[in-house]
Structure formats: C-alpha cells, structure tokens
N, C-alpha and C. Protein backbone atom coordinates (compact mmCIF):
# COMPACT_ATOMS: atom_id res chain seq x y z
N ILE A 1 15.30 30.66 29.65
CA ILE A 1 14.67 29.19 29.56
C ILE A 1 14.94 28.61 28.65
N SER A 2 15.84 27.36 28.34
CA SER A 2 16.23 27.03 26.93
C SER A 2 15.48 25.65 27.01
N TYR A 3 14.60 25.67 26.12
CA TYR A 3 14.07 24.13 25.94
C TYR A 3 14.78 23.66 24.61
N GLY A 4 15.75 22.48 24.75
CA GLY A 4 16.59 21.95 23.42
C GLY A 4 16.37 20.33 23.62
N LYS A 5 18.07 20.18 23.97
CA LYS A 5 18.17 18.38 24.13
C LYS A 5 17.74 18.02 25.48
N GLU A 6 17.65 19.41 26.32
CA GLU A 6 17.15 18.85 27.76
C GLU A 6 15.84 18.52 27.94
N ARG A 7 14.82 19.51 27.32
CA ARG A 7 13.63 18.95 27.09
C ARG A 7 12.73 18.82 25.91
N PRO A 8 13.19 18.00 24.83
CA PRO A 8 12.67 18.21 23.51
C PRO A 8 11.39 18.45 23.85
N VAL A 9 10.48 18.83 22.45
CA VAL A 9 9.37 18.44 22.00
C VAL A 9 8.74 17.28 22.04
N ALA A 10 9.37 16.64 21.09
CA ALA A 10 9.04 15.25 20.56
C ALA A 10 10.46 14.41 20.68
N VAL A 11 10.45 13.29 21.66
CA VAL A 11 11.74 12.65 21.35
C VAL A 11 11.56 11.31 20.39
N CYS A 12 12.09 11.46 19.32
CA CYS A 12 12.07 10.39 17.85
C CYS A 12 12.88 11.05 17.30
N ASP A 13 13.54 9.62 16.41
CA ASP A 13 14.12 10.01 15.19
C ASP A 13 13.54 10.49 13.77
N ASP A 14 12.21 10.54 13.74
CA ASP A 14 11.55 11.14 12.70
C ASP A 14 11.73 12.45 12.55
N ILE A 15 11.97 12.70 10.97
CA ILE A 15 12.06 13.80 10.52
C ILE A 15 10.99 15.11 11.09
N SER A 16 10.04 14.33 11.06
CA SER A 16 8.65 15.57 11.41
C SER A 16 9.22 16.09 12.99
N CYS A 17 9.53 15.11 13.79
CA CYS A 17 9.75 15.30 15.12
C CYS A 17 10.91 16.20 15.31
N TRP A 18 11.98 16.24 14.73
CA TRP A 18 13.35 16.99 14.38
C TRP A 18 12.89 18.28 14.32
N SER A 19 12.00 18.70 13.16
CA SER A 19 11.44 19.52 12.80
C SER A 19 10.54 20.37 13.81
N GLN A 20 9.95 20.11 14.52
CA GLN A 20 8.83 20.36 15.57
C GLN A 20 9.93 20.91 16.63
N ASN A 21 11.25 20.01 16.92
CA ASN A 21 12.07 20.44 17.96
C ASN A 21 12.56 22.24 17.65
N ARG A 22 12.96 21.89 16.30
CA ARG A 22 13.73 22.84 15.73
C ARG A 22 13.04 24.38 16.01
N ARG A 23 11.58 23.86 15.30
CA ARG A 23 10.66 25.15 15.58
C ARG A 23 10.65 25.88 16.63
N ALA A 24 10.27 24.83 17.78
CA ALA A 24 10.05 25.14 18.94
C ALA A 24 11.08 26.06 19.57
N VAL A 25 12.67 25.44 19.43
CA VAL A 25 13.41 26.52 19.95
C VAL A 25 13.98 27.38 19.05
N THR A 26 13.76 27.73 17.84
CA THR A 26 13.54 28.86 17.32
C THR A 26 12.86 30.12 17.93
N VAL A 27 11.49 29.48 18.12
CA VAL A 27 10.51 30.48 18.30
C VAL A 27 10.93 30.94 19.85
N LEU A 28 11.49 29.91 20.91
CA LEU A 28 11.44 30.56 22.13
C LEU A 28 12.89 31.37 22.05
N ASN A 29 14.03 31.09 21.28
CA ASN A 29 15.02 31.60 21.37
C ASN A 29 14.76 33.46 20.55
N GLY A 30 13.92 33.49 19.56
CA GLY A 30 13.39 34.72 19.38
C GLY A 30 12.57 35.56 20.35
N ALA A 31 11.75 34.77 20.93
CA ALA A 31 10.49 35.61 22.12
C ALA A 31 11.65 36.14 22.73
N GLY A 32 13.14 35.20 23.61
CA GLY A 32 13.66 35.65 24.39
C GLY A 32 14.69 36.76 24.24
N SER A 33 14.98 36.69 23.03
CA SER A 33 16.27 37.69 22.64
C SER A 33 15.65 39.24 23.15
C-alpha cells in the first residue's frame, strides 16, 4: 500500500505539511520492506 501523491497526509503548500507527508511515506515504505 502506498500513501503518497494519491493520499497525502496533509494537502497544502506549507513546508510543515510537506515534511509530515515525507515522514509518513518514509515510515510506510520502511515497514513495507
């Protein structure tokens, strides 16, 4: 299951939201591997 551009954690241009999305994707990818 991939949660990235399809289902972002937070939809906004704020750097904090972008960082939150990156963190979520990294955790999910690490757990999936």
